[in-house]
Amino acid sequence: MKPIKIDWDFVDSHPMADKHDDDSPELTDEDFARMRPASAVLPEIFGAELAAEMLKPKGGRPRKDNPKVFVGIRLDTEIVDSFKATGRGWQTRMNDALKQWLREHSAV
């Protein structure tokens, strides 16, 4: 991954650069020294059972039995434009059109 370059002169020149926010002050070394990980703090706040649930890794979307495969494919502009013109879900409709074609043109 390419590192992000930050123009600090531009950031420092912003009109709000010298304004301090009393509601959200800059953290000090003392603040960082007092910090504890969520695994140590959440049980005190919510109890062990709820904290354990909150700290579980998120599983994301359930895996499909038959997941789709990413394929890079080059198509004529008119085909892509026609499907895109049908709105959201155009890739699913293109997939369905290909399934229909396969049903009608068996490989036998």
N, C-alpha and C. Protein backbone atom coordinates (compact mmCIF):
# COMPACT_ATOMS: atom_id res chain seq x y z
N MET A 1 0.84 -1.17 0.00
CA MET A 1 0.00 0.00 0.00
C MET A 1 0.89 1.24 0.00
N LYS A 2 0.55 2.19 -0.85
CA LYS A 2 1.34 3.41 -0.98
C LYS A 2 1.08 4.32 0.22
N PRO A 3 2.14 4.85 0.84
CA PRO A 3 1.93 5.74 2.00
C PRO A 3 1.25 7.04 1.57
N ILE A 4 0.45 7.57 2.47
CA ILE A 4 -0.26 8.83 2.21
C ILE A 4 0.66 9.98 2.58
N LYS A 5 0.79 10.94 1.69
CA LYS A 5 1.60 12.12 1.97
C LYS A 5 0.67 13.23 2.43
N ILE A 6 1.00 13.86 3.54
CA ILE A 6 0.18 14.92 4.10
C ILE A 6 0.93 16.24 3.97
N ASP A 7 0.26 17.23 3.43
CA ASP A 7 0.83 18.57 3.32
C ASP A 7 0.55 19.31 4.62
N TRP A 8 1.50 19.20 5.57
CA TRP A 8 1.29 19.78 6.90
C TRP A 8 1.23 21.30 6.86
N ASP A 9 1.92 21.93 5.91
CA ASP A 9 1.84 23.39 5.78
C ASP A 9 0.41 23.81 5.45
N PHE A 10 -0.24 23.02 4.57
CA PHE A 10 -1.63 23.31 4.23
C PHE A 10 -2.53 23.11 5.46
N VAL A 11 -2.31 22.02 6.19
CA VAL A 11 -3.11 21.74 7.39
C VAL A 11 -2.92 22.86 8.40
N ASP A 12 -1.68 23.26 8.64
CA ASP A 12 -1.39 24.31 9.62
C ASP A 12 -1.92 25.67 9.19
N SER A 13 -2.13 25.88 7.89
CA SER A 13 -2.62 27.17 7.41
C SER A 13 -4.15 27.29 7.49
N HIS A 14 -4.81 26.20 7.84
CA HIS A 14 -6.28 26.22 7.94
C HIS A 14 -6.70 27.21 9.03
N PRO A 15 -7.80 27.97 8.78
CA PRO A 15 -8.24 28.96 9.78
C PRO A 15 -8.54 28.37 11.15
N MET A 16 -8.88 27.10 11.22
CA MET A 16 -9.23 26.49 12.51
C MET A 16 -8.01 25.80 13.16
N ALA A 17 -6.85 25.88 12.52
CA ALA A 17 -5.67 25.16 13.01
C ALA A 17 -5.26 25.58 14.41
N ASP A 18 -5.42 26.85 14.73
CA ASP A 18 -4.98 27.32 16.05
C ASP A 18 -6.11 27.38 17.07
N LYS A 19 -7.29 26.91 16.70
CA LYS A 19 -8.44 26.90 17.63
C LYS A 19 -8.38 25.63 18.48
N HIS A 20 -8.67 25.77 19.76
CA HIS A 20 -8.68 24.62 20.66
C HIS A 20 -10.11 24.27 21.00
N ASP A 21 -10.38 22.99 21.04
CA ASP A 21 -11.71 22.49 21.33
C ASP A 21 -11.73 21.97 22.77
N ASP A 22 -12.37 22.73 23.66
CA ASP A 22 -12.42 22.35 25.07
C ASP A 22 -13.19 21.05 25.30
N ASP A 23 -14.13 20.73 24.40
CA ASP A 23 -14.91 19.50 24.53
C ASP A 23 -14.10 18.27 24.12
N SER A 24 -13.06 18.48 23.34
CA SER A 24 -12.24 17.38 22.86
C SER A 24 -10.77 17.81 22.86
N PRO A 25 -10.20 17.96 24.05
CA PRO A 25 -8.82 18.45 24.12
C PRO A 25 -7.83 17.41 23.60
N GLU A 26 -6.66 17.86 23.22
CA GLU A 26 -5.61 16.97 22.74
C GLU A 26 -5.15 16.08 23.90
N LEU A 27 -4.93 14.81 23.61
CA LEU A 27 -4.50 13.87 24.65
C LEU A 27 -3.05 14.12 25.03
N THR A 28 -2.76 13.96 26.30
CA THR A 28 -1.41 14.16 26.82
C THR A 28 -0.75 12.81 27.07
N ASP A 29 0.54 12.83 27.36
CA ASP A 29 1.24 11.58 27.70
C ASP A 29 0.62 10.94 28.94
N GLU A 30 0.16 11.76 29.88
CA GLU A 30 -0.50 11.26 31.09
C GLU A 30 -1.80 10.53 30.72
N ASP A 31 -2.56 11.10 29.78
CA ASP A 31 -3.80 10.45 29.32
C ASP A 31 -3.49 9.08 28.73
N PHE A 32 -2.48 9.03 27.88
CA PHE A 32 -2.12 7.76 27.26
C PHE A 32 -1.65 6.74 28.29
N ALA A 33 -0.95 7.19 29.31
CA ALA A 33 -0.46 6.30 30.36
C ALA A 33 -1.61 5.68 31.15
N ARG A 34 -2.72 6.41 31.30
CA ARG A 34 -3.88 5.93 32.06
C ARG A 34 -4.80 5.02 31.24
N MET A 35 -4.64 5.02 29.93
CA MET A 35 -5.53 4.24 29.08
C MET A 35 -5.37 2.75 29.31
N ARG A 36 -6.51 2.03 29.20
CA ARG A 36 -6.53 0.58 29.31
C ARG A 36 -7.28 0.02 28.12
N PRO A 37 -6.99 -1.21 27.75
CA PRO A 37 -7.68 -1.80 26.60
C PRO A 37 -9.17 -2.04 26.92
N ALA A 38 -9.97 -2.07 25.87
CA ALA A 38 -11.41 -2.30 26.02
C ALA A 38 -11.69 -3.59 26.78
N SER A 39 -10.86 -4.62 26.57
CA SER A 39 -11.08 -5.90 27.25
C SER A 39 -10.98 -5.78 28.77
N ALA A 40 -10.27 -4.76 29.24
CA ALA A 40 -10.16 -4.54 30.68
C ALA A 40 -11.24 -3.62 31.22
N VAL A 41 -11.74 -2.72 30.39
CA VAL A 41 -12.69 -1.71 30.84
C VAL A 41 -14.15 -2.16 30.69
N LEU A 42 -14.48 -2.80 29.57
CA LEU A 42 -15.88 -3.15 29.31
C LEU A 42 -16.52 -4.03 30.37
N PRO A 43 -15.82 -5.05 30.92
CA PRO A 43 -16.45 -5.85 31.97
C PRO A 43 -16.85 -5.01 33.20
N GLU A 44 -16.05 -3.99 33.52
CA GLU A 44 -16.37 -3.11 34.66
C GLU A 44 -17.62 -2.29 34.38
N ILE A 45 -17.81 -1.91 33.13
CA ILE A 45 -18.93 -1.03 32.76
C ILE A 45 -20.21 -1.83 32.51
N PHE A 46 -20.10 -2.93 31.74
CA PHE A 46 -21.28 -3.66 31.30
C PHE A 46 -21.45 -5.03 31.92
N GLY A 47 -20.48 -5.52 32.67
CA GLY A 47 -20.54 -6.87 33.20
C GLY A 47 -19.82 -7.82 32.26
N ALA A 48 -19.36 -8.93 32.82
CA ALA A 48 -18.52 -9.86 32.07
C ALA A 48 -19.23 -10.47 30.87
N GLU A 49 -20.50 -10.86 31.05
CA GLU A 49 -21.21 -11.56 29.96
C GLU A 49 -21.42 -10.65 28.76
N LEU A 50 -21.93 -9.45 28.98
CA LEU A 50 -22.17 -8.52 27.88
C LEU A 50 -20.85 -8.06 27.26
N ALA A 51 -19.84 -7.84 28.08
CA ALA A 51 -18.53 -7.42 27.57
C ALA A 51 -17.94 -8.49 26.66
N ALA A 52 -18.07 -9.77 27.06
CA ALA A 52 -17.56 -10.86 26.23
C ALA A 52 -18.25 -10.87 24.87
N GLU A 53 -19.56 -10.63 24.87
CA GLU A 53 -20.32 -10.57 23.61
C GLU A 53 -19.86 -9.40 22.75
N MET A 54 -19.63 -8.26 23.37
CA MET A 54 -19.20 -7.06 22.64
C MET A 54 -17.80 -7.22 22.06
N LEU A 55 -16.95 -7.99 22.72
CA LEU A 55 -15.57 -8.15 22.29
C LEU A 55 -15.37 -9.30 21.29
N LYS A 56 -16.42 -10.06 21.01
CA LYS A 56 -16.30 -11.14 20.03
C LYS A 56 -15.97 -10.55 18.66
N PRO A 57 -15.10 -11.22 17.92
CA PRO A 57 -14.82 -10.74 16.56
C PRO A 57 -16.10 -10.78 15.72
N LYS A 58 -16.25 -9.77 14.91
CA LYS A 58 -17.43 -9.72 14.04
C LYS A 58 -17.21 -10.67 12.88
N GLY A 59 -18.19 -11.48 12.61
CA GLY A 59 -18.08 -12.49 11.57
C GLY A 59 -18.35 -11.99 10.18
N GLY A 60 -18.99 -10.84 10.07
CA GLY A 60 -19.31 -10.34 8.74
C GLY A 60 -20.50 -11.08 8.15
N ARG A 61 -20.63 -10.98 6.87
CA ARG A 61 -21.74 -11.59 6.15
C ARG A 61 -21.57 -13.12 6.14
N PRO A 62 -22.67 -13.87 6.33
CA PRO A 62 -22.55 -15.33 6.28
C PRO A 62 -22.06 -15.80 4.91
N ARG A 63 -21.24 -16.83 4.91
CA ARG A 63 -20.74 -17.37 3.65
C ARG A 63 -21.85 -18.09 2.89
N LYS A 64 -21.84 -17.91 1.58
CA LYS A 64 -22.82 -18.59 0.73
C LYS A 64 -22.31 -19.99 0.41
N ASP A 65 -23.25 -20.90 0.15
CA ASP A 65 -22.88 -22.25 -0.25
C ASP A 65 -22.22 -22.24 -1.63
N ASN A 66 -22.68 -21.33 -2.48
CA ASN A 66 -22.18 -21.25 -3.85
C ASN A 66 -21.82 -19.79 -4.14
N PRO A 67 -20.68 -19.30 -3.60
CA PRO A 67 -20.35 -17.88 -3.78
C PRO A 67 -20.01 -17.55 -5.22
N LYS A 68 -20.23 -16.30 -5.58
CA LYS A 68 -19.88 -15.84 -6.92
C LYS A 68 -18.37 -15.67 -7.00
N VAL A 69 -17.85 -15.74 -8.21
CA VAL A 69 -16.42 -15.65 -8.47
C VAL A 69 -16.16 -14.33 -9.19
N PHE A 70 -15.14 -13.58 -8.74
CA PHE A 70 -14.78 -12.35 -9.43
C PHE A 70 -14.04 -12.70 -10.70
N VAL A 71 -14.47 -12.11 -11.81
CA VAL A 71 -13.83 -12.32 -13.10
C VAL A 71 -13.69 -10.97 -13.79
N GLY A 72 -12.50 -10.70 -14.29
CA GLY A 72 -12.32 -9.51 -15.12
C GLY A 72 -12.69 -9.88 -16.54
N ILE A 73 -13.60 -9.15 -17.14
CA ILE A 73 -14.07 -9.50 -18.49
C ILE A 73 -14.24 -8.22 -19.28
N ARG A 74 -13.91 -8.28 -20.55
CA ARG A 74 -14.06 -7.11 -21.42
C ARG A 74 -15.31 -7.31 -22.27
N LEU A 75 -16.22 -6.35 -22.18
CA LEU A 75 -17.47 -6.41 -22.92
C LEU A 75 -17.62 -5.16 -23.77
N ASP A 76 -18.45 -5.26 -24.81
CA ASP A 76 -18.74 -4.09 -25.63
C ASP A 76 -19.43 -3.02 -24.78
N THR A 77 -19.10 -1.78 -25.06
CA THR A 77 -19.67 -0.66 -24.31
C THR A 77 -21.18 -0.68 -24.36
N GLU A 78 -21.75 -0.97 -25.53
CA GLU A 78 -23.21 -0.94 -25.67
C GLU A 78 -23.90 -1.98 -24.76
N ILE A 79 -23.24 -3.11 -24.52
CA ILE A 79 -23.81 -4.13 -23.64
C ILE A 79 -23.81 -3.63 -22.20
N VAL A 80 -22.67 -3.15 -21.74
CA VAL A 80 -22.55 -2.66 -20.37
C VAL A 80 -23.50 -1.48 -20.16
N ASP A 81 -23.52 -0.53 -21.10
CA ASP A 81 -24.39 0.64 -20.97
C ASP A 81 -25.85 0.24 -20.90
N SER A 82 -26.24 -0.77 -21.69
CA SER A 82 -27.64 -1.22 -21.69
C SER A 82 -28.03 -1.80 -20.34
N PHE A 83 -27.16 -2.63 -19.77
CA PHE A 83 -27.48 -3.21 -18.47
C PHE A 83 -27.46 -2.14 -17.38
N LYS A 84 -26.47 -1.23 -17.42
CA LYS A 84 -26.39 -0.17 -16.41
C LYS A 84 -27.62 0.73 -16.47
N ALA A 85 -28.17 0.92 -17.67
CA ALA A 85 -29.35 1.79 -17.84
C ALA A 85 -30.57 1.22 -17.12
N THR A 86 -30.52 -0.05 -16.76
CA THR A 86 -31.66 -0.66 -16.05
C THR A 86 -31.62 -0.37 -14.55
N GLY A 87 -30.56 0.31 -14.09
CA GLY A 87 -30.50 0.73 -12.68
C GLY A 87 -29.74 -0.24 -11.80
N ARG A 88 -29.92 -0.02 -10.47
CA ARG A 88 -29.24 -0.86 -9.49
C ARG A 88 -29.53 -2.32 -9.73
N GLY A 89 -28.53 -3.15 -9.50
CA GLY A 89 -28.69 -4.59 -9.69
C GLY A 89 -28.39 -5.05 -11.11
N TRP A 90 -27.81 -4.16 -11.90
CA TRP A 90 -27.56 -4.51 -13.30
C TRP A 90 -26.60 -5.69 -13.44
N GLN A 91 -25.64 -5.83 -12.52
CA GLN A 91 -24.71 -6.96 -12.62
C GLN A 91 -25.43 -8.28 -12.34
N THR A 92 -26.36 -8.26 -11.40
CA THR A 92 -27.16 -9.46 -11.11
C THR A 92 -28.01 -9.82 -12.32
N ARG A 93 -28.60 -8.80 -12.96
CA ARG A 93 -29.41 -9.08 -14.16
C ARG A 93 -28.54 -9.61 -15.29
N MET A 94 -27.31 -9.13 -15.41
CA MET A 94 -26.40 -9.65 -16.43
C MET A 94 -26.07 -11.10 -16.11
N ASN A 95 -25.83 -11.42 -14.85
CA ASN A 95 -25.56 -12.79 -14.43
C ASN A 95 -26.76 -13.69 -14.78
N ASP A 96 -27.98 -13.19 -14.49
CA ASP A 96 -29.19 -13.96 -14.79
C ASP A 96 -29.35 -14.18 -16.29
N ALA A 97 -29.00 -13.18 -17.10
CA ALA A 97 -29.09 -13.32 -18.56
C ALA A 97 -28.13 -14.39 -19.06
N LEU A 98 -26.94 -14.44 -18.47
CA LEU A 98 -25.98 -15.48 -18.85
C LEU A 98 -26.46 -16.87 -18.42
N LYS A 99 -27.08 -16.97 -17.25
CA LYS A 99 -27.66 -18.26 -16.81
C LYS A 99 -28.73 -18.71 -17.79
N GLN A 100 -29.59 -17.77 -18.19
CA GLN A 100 -30.67 -18.08 -19.14
C GLN A 100 -30.07 -18.59 -20.45
N TRP A 101 -29.02 -17.93 -20.94
CA TRP A 101 -28.38 -18.35 -22.17
C TRP A 101 -27.84 -19.77 -22.04
N LEU A 102 -27.23 -20.08 -20.87
CA LEU A 102 -26.69 -21.43 -20.67
C LEU A 102 -27.79 -22.49 -20.66
N ARG A 103 -28.94 -22.15 -20.07
CA ARG A 103 -30.06 -23.10 -20.07
C ARG A 103 -30.56 -23.38 -21.49
N GLU A 104 -30.56 -22.35 -22.31
CA GLU A 104 -31.07 -22.47 -23.68
C GLU A 104 -30.04 -23.04 -24.64
N HIS A 105 -28.76 -23.00 -24.29
CA HIS A 105 -27.69 -23.47 -25.17
C HIS A 105 -26.82 -24.46 -24.40
N SER A 106 -27.36 -25.62 -24.15
CA SER A 106 -26.61 -26.61 -23.36
C SER A 106 -25.31 -26.97 -24.06
N ALA A 107 -24.32 -27.32 -23.27
CA ALA A 107 -23.00 -27.63 -23.80
C ALA A 107 -22.91 -29.04 -24.36
N VAL A 108 -24.00 -29.76 -24.42
CA VAL A 108 -24.00 -31.16 -24.89
C VAL A 108 -23.83 -31.25 -26.37
